[in-house]
């Protein structure tokens, strides 16, 4: 269905006529002259008739050009048929740690060690693709927390933004409290029964003005459920030149599991531990089993803007009118010289 976003713009249609009435064109008054030799001035009379015809063409052309410009300014648009959106699901925000420590290569798969963020992108990306009934959003956090994608049904865009995330983009430290605070802010206007955050990190809170447990208490008050995921291996073998057998160390020694567990308990969620890619897959499959919550049905109507068509028509008419004036100019000049 054709609609105009700014229908009031058509009130400008009579504007040229109003200007003409306020500022009338000055016309030269000439005295009448009796010419007995009419036959000799007949070509001049014919030329005058052509000028009158040209005036009507000019009036019609300029009127059409003005109509096209006004119609374009009114922003015509084609509104499609209503499309039903999913009426069930959750508002799910994914908060992913992209601090410098996510570069640790302790996630072993296929006989080689892969950095944590690469594995997270792959596993969480598949999780995103499966959540067809949910509104998904993406928060990336390091020293600061950023909303990378607002809540949307567009899973492809959310997944693309996740895959494009770069280590250290948000800083080298970890602001868990700020990530939770930002998630609360984005979910507070959504139905209480469907507010869910899945927070994944490999460390402890080392940045931000809000403490994680303080943020968790605010989430509890706002009815936001938080599932926390601690990622990173418990043991990694380090080989050195003078020690071929190597020595093992814990690459997840900075992971604050106690705080992550308390955050989940306070908000009614659950804490999960992922020491390798297989465990991370299993965790997100468990999270995938969250029961959808019925919500109020929503619809939207696709809108296609059409303002460029009347604008293009006005431009073409203007060009044609200019060409017509250029073509007639030499003939008028020669008549005046004669």
Protein backbone atom coordinates (compact mmCIF):
# COMPACT_ATOMS: atom_id res chain seq x y z
CA UNK A 1 0.00 0.00 0.00
CA UNK A 2 1.33 3.42 -0.99
CA UNK A 3 1.67 5.90 1.87
CA UNK A 4 3.31 9.27 2.43
CA UNK A 5 5.34 9.72 5.60
CA UNK A 6 4.97 13.51 5.52
CA UNK A 7 1.56 14.08 3.95
CA UNK A 8 1.47 17.71 5.14
CA UNK A 9 4.15 18.59 2.56
CA UNK A 10 1.42 18.62 -0.11
CA UNK A 11 0.16 21.83 1.48
CA UNK A 12 3.07 23.48 -0.35
CA UNK A 13 1.56 22.70 -3.78
CA UNK A 14 -0.13 26.12 -4.19
CA UNK A 15 3.03 27.97 -3.09
CA UNK A 16 4.10 29.08 -6.62
CA UNK A 17 0.59 30.43 -7.30
CA UNK A 18 0.60 32.34 -4.01
CA UNK A 19 3.98 33.87 -4.85
CA UNK A 20 2.68 34.85 -8.30
CA UNK A 21 -0.35 36.56 -6.77
CA UNK A 22 1.75 38.42 -4.21
CA UNK A 23 4.43 39.43 -6.69
CA UNK A 24 2.66 39.75 -10.10
CA UNK A 25 4.81 39.91 -13.21
CA UNK A 26 5.24 43.40 -14.64
CA UNK A 27 3.75 43.69 -18.13
CA UNK A 28 4.62 46.46 -20.56
CA UNK A 29 1.60 48.49 -21.72
CA UNK A 30 1.79 49.31 -25.44
CA UNK A 31 -0.55 51.59 -27.33
CA UNK A 32 -2.66 50.10 -30.10
CA UNK A 33 -1.44 50.68 -33.63
CA UNK A 34 -3.57 50.49 -36.77
CA UNK A 35 -1.66 48.59 -39.42
CA UNK A 36 -3.26 48.71 -42.91
CA UNK A 37 -0.65 46.39 -44.38
CA UNK A 38 -1.62 43.35 -42.31
CA UNK A 39 -0.24 40.80 -44.73
CA UNK A 40 3.28 42.05 -44.18
CA UNK A 41 3.07 41.51 -40.41
CA UNK A 42 1.21 38.21 -40.52
CA UNK A 43 4.41 36.22 -39.62
CA UNK A 44 4.69 38.28 -36.45
CA UNK A 45 1.13 37.33 -35.48
CA UNK A 46 1.94 33.67 -36.12
CA UNK A 47 5.03 33.97 -33.93
CA UNK A 48 2.90 35.46 -31.17
CA UNK A 49 0.54 32.46 -31.31
CA UNK A 50 3.52 30.13 -30.98
CA UNK A 51 4.70 32.05 -27.94
CA UNK A 52 1.26 31.66 -26.35
CA UNK A 53 1.33 27.90 -27.01
CA UNK A 54 4.83 27.75 -25.56
CA UNK A 55 3.60 29.55 -22.45
CA UNK A 56 1.01 26.83 -21.87
CA UNK A 57 3.65 24.13 -22.35
CA UNK A 58 5.88 25.99 -19.91
CA UNK A 59 3.08 26.19 -17.34
CA UNK A 60 2.32 22.47 -17.59
CA UNK A 61 6.00 21.46 -17.49
CA UNK A 62 6.87 23.62 -14.50
CA UNK A 63 3.72 22.46 -12.68
CA UNK A 64 4.68 18.81 -13.20
CA UNK A 65 8.24 19.47 -12.02
CA UNK A 66 6.95 21.18 -8.87
CA UNK A 67 4.48 18.33 -8.25
CA UNK A 68 7.29 15.76 -8.55
CA UNK A 69 9.50 17.66 -6.10
CA UNK A 70 6.72 18.04 -3.54
CA UNK A 71 5.77 14.36 -3.89
CA UNK A 72 9.40 13.36 -3.32
CA UNK A 73 9.67 15.61 -0.25
CA UNK A 74 6.53 13.94 1.18
CA UNK A 75 8.57 10.68 1.34
CA UNK A 76 6.36 8.15 -0.45
CA UNK A 77 6.81 4.59 0.73
CA UNK A 78 5.36 1.21 -0.02
CA UNK A 79 4.11 -0.53 3.12
CA UNK A 80 3.95 -4.29 2.77
CA UNK A 81 1.57 -6.78 4.32
CA UNK A 82 1.89 -7.42 8.10
CA UNK A 83 4.48 -10.08 9.01
CA UNK A 84 4.06 -11.99 12.27
CA UNK A 85 7.09 -12.10 14.54
CA UNK A 86 7.75 -15.04 16.85
CA UNK A 87 5.48 -14.75 19.87
CA UNK A 88 7.53 -16.95 22.17
CA UNK A 89 11.10 -17.03 23.37
CA UNK A 90 13.38 -15.05 25.63
CA UNK A 91 15.29 -11.81 25.56
CA UNK A 92 18.79 -13.24 25.68
CA UNK A 93 21.93 -11.15 26.03
CA UNK A 94 25.29 -12.79 25.42
CA UNK A 95 28.13 -11.14 27.34
CA UNK A 96 31.50 -12.35 26.01
CA UNK A 97 34.90 -11.56 27.50
CA UNK A 98 37.40 -10.36 24.85
CA UNK A 99 40.15 -9.24 27.22
CA UNK A 100 43.80 -10.05 26.50
CA UNK A 101 43.75 -13.31 28.50
CA UNK A 102 41.30 -14.82 26.00
CA UNK A 103 44.33 -15.24 23.73
CA UNK A 104 45.60 -18.11 25.92
CA UNK A 105 46.03 -21.23 23.78
CA UNK A 106 44.83 -23.89 26.22
CA UNK A 107 41.73 -25.22 24.45
CA UNK A 108 42.94 -28.47 22.97
CA UNK A 109 41.11 -29.97 20.00
CA UNK A 110 42.23 -32.03 17.03
CA UNK A 111 45.67 -32.54 18.57
CA UNK A 112 46.48 -28.85 18.82
CA UNK A 113 45.93 -25.99 21.21
CA UNK A 114 43.61 -23.19 20.12
CA UNK A 115 43.08 -19.84 21.81
CA UNK A 116 39.99 -19.44 23.95
CA UNK A 117 38.28 -16.74 21.91
CA UNK A 118 38.41 -18.77 18.69
CA UNK A 119 36.70 -21.71 20.39
CA UNK A 120 34.13 -19.41 22.03
CA UNK A 121 33.29 -17.81 18.68
CA UNK A 122 32.67 -21.23 17.12
CA UNK A 123 30.59 -22.68 19.96
CA UNK A 124 28.58 -19.54 20.76
CA UNK A 125 28.07 -18.91 17.03
CA UNK A 126 26.33 -22.26 16.68
CA UNK A 127 24.28 -21.52 19.80
CA UNK A 128 23.14 -18.23 18.24
CA UNK A 129 22.00 -19.97 15.08
CA UNK A 130 19.81 -22.34 17.06
CA UNK A 131 17.97 -19.65 19.04
CA UNK A 132 15.36 -18.93 16.38
CA UNK A 133 12.62 -17.91 18.83
CA UNK A 134 14.69 -15.52 20.95
CA UNK A 135 15.66 -11.91 20.74
CA UNK A 136 19.43 -11.97 20.95
CA UNK A 137 21.86 -9.22 21.88
CA UNK A 138 25.65 -9.14 22.20
CA UNK A 139 27.82 -7.41 24.79
CA UNK A 140 31.60 -7.48 24.46
CA UNK A 141 33.66 -6.54 27.49
CA UNK A 142 37.25 -6.06 28.56
CA UNK A 143 38.35 -2.99 30.47
CA UNK A 144 35.01 -1.52 29.37
CA UNK A 145 31.72 -3.08 28.29
CA UNK A 146 30.11 -2.29 24.94
CA UNK A 147 26.75 -3.18 23.44
CA UNK A 148 27.77 -4.63 20.09
CA UNK A 149 24.27 -5.71 19.02
CA UNK A 150 20.94 -4.66 20.60
CA UNK A 151 18.18 -7.22 21.13
CA UNK A 152 17.03 -8.44 17.73
CA UNK A 153 15.64 -11.45 15.87
CA UNK A 154 18.40 -11.01 13.30
CA UNK A 155 20.63 -13.91 14.37
CA UNK A 156 22.84 -13.57 11.30
CA UNK A 157 23.93 -10.06 12.25
CA UNK A 158 24.55 -11.01 15.88
CA UNK A 159 26.68 -13.95 14.79
CA UNK A 160 28.61 -11.80 12.30
CA UNK A 161 29.41 -9.21 14.98
CA UNK A 162 30.54 -11.99 17.31
CA UNK A 163 32.87 -13.47 14.68
CA UNK A 164 34.35 -10.03 13.98
CA UNK A 165 35.24 -9.41 17.64
CA UNK A 166 38.95 -8.86 18.18
CA UNK A 167 41.08 -9.55 21.24
CA UNK A 168 41.77 -6.45 23.28
CA UNK A 169 39.22 -4.38 21.37
CA UNK A 170 37.56 -3.43 24.68
CA UNK A 171 40.81 -3.29 26.67
CA UNK A 172 43.12 -5.81 28.32
CA UNK A 173 41.42 -6.02 31.72
CA UNK A 174 38.06 -7.55 32.71
CA UNK A 175 35.02 -5.53 33.80
CA UNK A 176 32.47 -8.18 34.76
CA UNK A 177 30.40 -5.80 36.89
CA UNK A 178 30.06 -3.27 34.06
CA UNK A 179 29.00 -6.00 31.62
CA UNK A 180 26.23 -7.09 34.00
CA UNK A 181 25.17 -3.48 34.58
CA UNK A 182 24.92 -2.83 30.84
CA UNK A 183 22.88 -6.02 30.40
CA UNK A 184 20.44 -4.92 33.11
CA UNK A 185 20.01 -1.55 31.42
CA UNK A 186 19.19 -3.16 28.08
CA UNK A 187 16.74 -5.69 29.57
CA UNK A 188 14.86 -3.55 32.08
CA UNK A 189 12.08 -2.65 29.62
CA UNK A 190 11.47 -6.24 28.56
CA UNK A 191 8.99 -8.69 30.20
CA UNK A 192 10.28 -9.80 33.60
CA UNK A 193 9.90 -13.52 32.93
CA UNK A 194 12.14 -13.53 29.84
CA UNK A 195 15.27 -11.59 30.89
CA UNK A 196 18.32 -13.82 30.53
CA UNK A 197 22.06 -13.11 30.41
CA UNK A 198 24.76 -15.65 29.54
CA UNK A 199 28.10 -14.26 30.72
CA UNK A 200 31.34 -15.94 29.63
CA UNK A 201 34.73 -15.01 31.04
CA UNK A 202 38.12 -16.54 31.81
CA UNK A 203 39.21 -14.30 34.68
CA UNK A 204 38.28 -12.14 37.62
CA UNK A 205 36.93 -8.62 37.78
CA UNK A 206 39.92 -6.27 37.41
CA UNK A 207 38.28 -3.10 36.04
CA UNK A 208 35.13 -1.02 36.24
CA UNK A 209 33.45 1.00 38.97
CA UNK A 210 30.78 -1.63 39.72
CA UNK A 211 31.66 -4.77 41.67
CA UNK A 212 30.32 -8.03 40.18
CA UNK A 213 28.31 -9.01 43.29
CA UNK A 214 26.86 -5.51 43.55
CA UNK A 215 25.80 -5.76 39.91
CA UNK A 216 24.35 -9.22 40.60
CA UNK A 217 22.19 -7.79 43.41
CA UNK A 218 20.87 -5.17 41.00
CA UNK A 219 20.16 -7.95 38.49
CA UNK A 220 18.26 -9.86 41.17
CA UNK A 221 16.10 -6.79 41.84
CA UNK A 222 15.51 -6.33 38.11
CA UNK A 223 14.48 -10.00 37.67
CA UNK A 224 17.40 -10.71 35.34
CA UNK A 225 18.61 -14.30 35.38
CA UNK A 226 22.36 -14.72 34.78
CA UNK A 227 24.08 -17.91 33.66
CA UNK A 228 27.85 -17.69 34.09
CA UNK A 229 30.45 -19.68 32.20
CA UNK A 230 34.10 -19.93 33.27
CA UNK A 231 36.34 -20.94 30.40
CA UNK A 232 39.94 -22.16 30.44
CA UNK A 233 41.90 -25.35 31.08
CA UNK A 234 43.03 -26.37 34.59
CA UNK A 235 46.42 -27.58 33.39
CA UNK A 236 48.76 -26.68 30.57
CA UNK A 237 52.13 -28.23 29.84
CA UNK A 238 54.96 -25.74 29.32
CA UNK A 239 58.04 -27.10 27.53
CA UNK A 240 61.39 -25.36 27.77
CA UNK A 241 64.74 -25.97 26.11
CA UNK A 242 66.51 -27.04 29.31
CA UNK A 243 63.54 -29.04 30.54
CA UNK A 244 62.28 -31.35 27.73
CA UNK A 245 59.72 -32.95 30.02
CA UNK A 246 58.31 -29.52 30.75
CA UNK A 247 56.28 -28.47 33.71
CA UNK A 248 52.56 -28.01 34.14
CA UNK A 249 50.80 -24.93 35.40
CA UNK A 250 47.22 -23.74 35.78
CA UNK A 251 46.34 -21.22 33.03
CA UNK A 252 43.00 -20.52 34.76
CA UNK A 253 44.48 -19.51 38.10
CA UNK A 254 42.92 -16.05 37.74
CA UNK A 255 39.42 -17.39 37.16
CA UNK A 256 37.18 -16.27 40.03
CA UNK A 257 34.83 -19.24 40.21
CA UNK A 258 33.45 -18.27 43.62
CA UNK A 259 32.22 -14.89 42.35
CA UNK A 260 30.77 -16.39 39.17
CA UNK A 261 28.93 -19.01 41.24
CA UNK A 262 27.52 -16.36 43.57
CA UNK A 263 26.35 -14.25 40.62
CA UNK A 264 24.46 -17.21 39.19
CA UNK A 265 22.98 -18.21 42.57
CA UNK A 266 21.83 -14.66 43.38
CA UNK A 267 19.97 -14.28 40.10
CA UNK A 268 18.52 -17.78 39.81
CA UNK A 269 20.92 -18.92 37.11
CA UNK A 270 23.66 -21.52 37.12
CA UNK A 271 27.46 -21.58 36.91
CA UNK A 272 29.19 -23.79 34.34
CA UNK A 273 32.86 -24.67 33.94
CA UNK A 274 34.35 -25.24 30.47
CA UNK A 275 37.89 -26.66 30.53
CA UNK A 276 37.91 -27.72 26.89
CA UNK A 277 35.86 -27.29 23.70
CA UNK A 278 33.78 -30.42 24.38
CA UNK A 279 32.65 -29.12 27.77
CA UNK A 280 31.84 -25.74 26.24
CA UNK A 281 29.69 -27.46 23.59
CA UNK A 282 27.88 -29.41 26.29
CA UNK A 283 27.24 -26.26 28.34
CA UNK A 284 25.64 -24.39 25.45
CA UNK A 285 23.54 -27.41 24.57
CA UNK A 286 22.23 -27.35 28.14
CA UNK A 287 21.54 -23.64 27.84
CA UNK A 288 19.78 -24.39 24.57
CA UNK A 289 17.15 -26.31 26.51
CA UNK A 290 15.79 -23.18 28.18
CA UNK A 291 12.00 -23.29 27.89
CA UNK A 292 10.54 -20.47 25.77
CA UNK A 293 8.23 -17.98 27.48
CA UNK A 294 5.03 -16.89 25.79
CA UNK A 295 5.01 -13.18 24.94
CA UNK A 296 2.56 -10.79 23.41
CA UNK A 297 2.35 -11.40 19.65
CA UNK A 298 4.03 -8.74 17.52
CA UNK A 299 3.87 -7.88 13.85
CA UNK A 300 5.77 -5.55 11.60
CA UNK A 301 5.17 -4.24 8.09
CA UNK A 302 8.14 -3.99 5.74
CA UNK A 303 8.59 -0.49 4.33
CA UNK A 304 10.27 0.37 1.03
CA UNK A 305 11.11 4.02 0.39
CA UNK A 306 10.11 5.39 -3.04
CA UNK A 307 11.04 9.09 -2.84
CA UNK A 308 13.73 8.73 -5.51
CA UNK A 309 11.19 7.92 -8.26
CA UNK A 310 9.31 11.28 -8.24
CA UNK A 311 12.65 13.02 -7.66
CA UNK A 312 14.09 11.33 -10.74
CA UNK A 313 10.98 12.25 -12.77
CA UNK A 314 11.35 15.89 -11.71
CA UNK A 315 15.02 15.92 -12.72
CA UNK A 316 14.25 14.39 -16.14
CA UNK A 317 11.44 16.91 -16.77
CA UNK A 318 13.81 19.74 -15.82
CA UNK A 319 16.44 18.45 -18.25
CA UNK A 320 13.87 18.13 -21.06
CA UNK A 321 12.61 21.66 -20.42
CA UNK A 322 16.15 23.05 -20.47
CA UNK A 323 16.86 21.28 -23.78
CA UNK A 324 13.65 22.68 -25.28
CA UNK A 325 14.67 26.22 -24.32
CA UNK A 326 18.12 25.75 -25.83
CA UNK A 327 16.65 24.43 -29.09
CA UNK A 328 14.23 27.37 -29.42
CA UNK A 329 16.70 30.07 -28.47
CA UNK A 330 18.43 30.37 -31.92
CA UNK A 331 15.07 30.74 -33.74
CA UNK A 332 13.87 33.45 -31.39
CA UNK A 333 17.15 35.30 -31.73
CA UNK A 334 17.03 35.24 -35.53
CA UNK A 335 13.43 36.55 -35.55
CA UNK A 336 14.39 39.45 -33.34
CA UNK A 337 17.39 40.32 -35.53
CA UNK A 338 15.18 40.36 -38.66
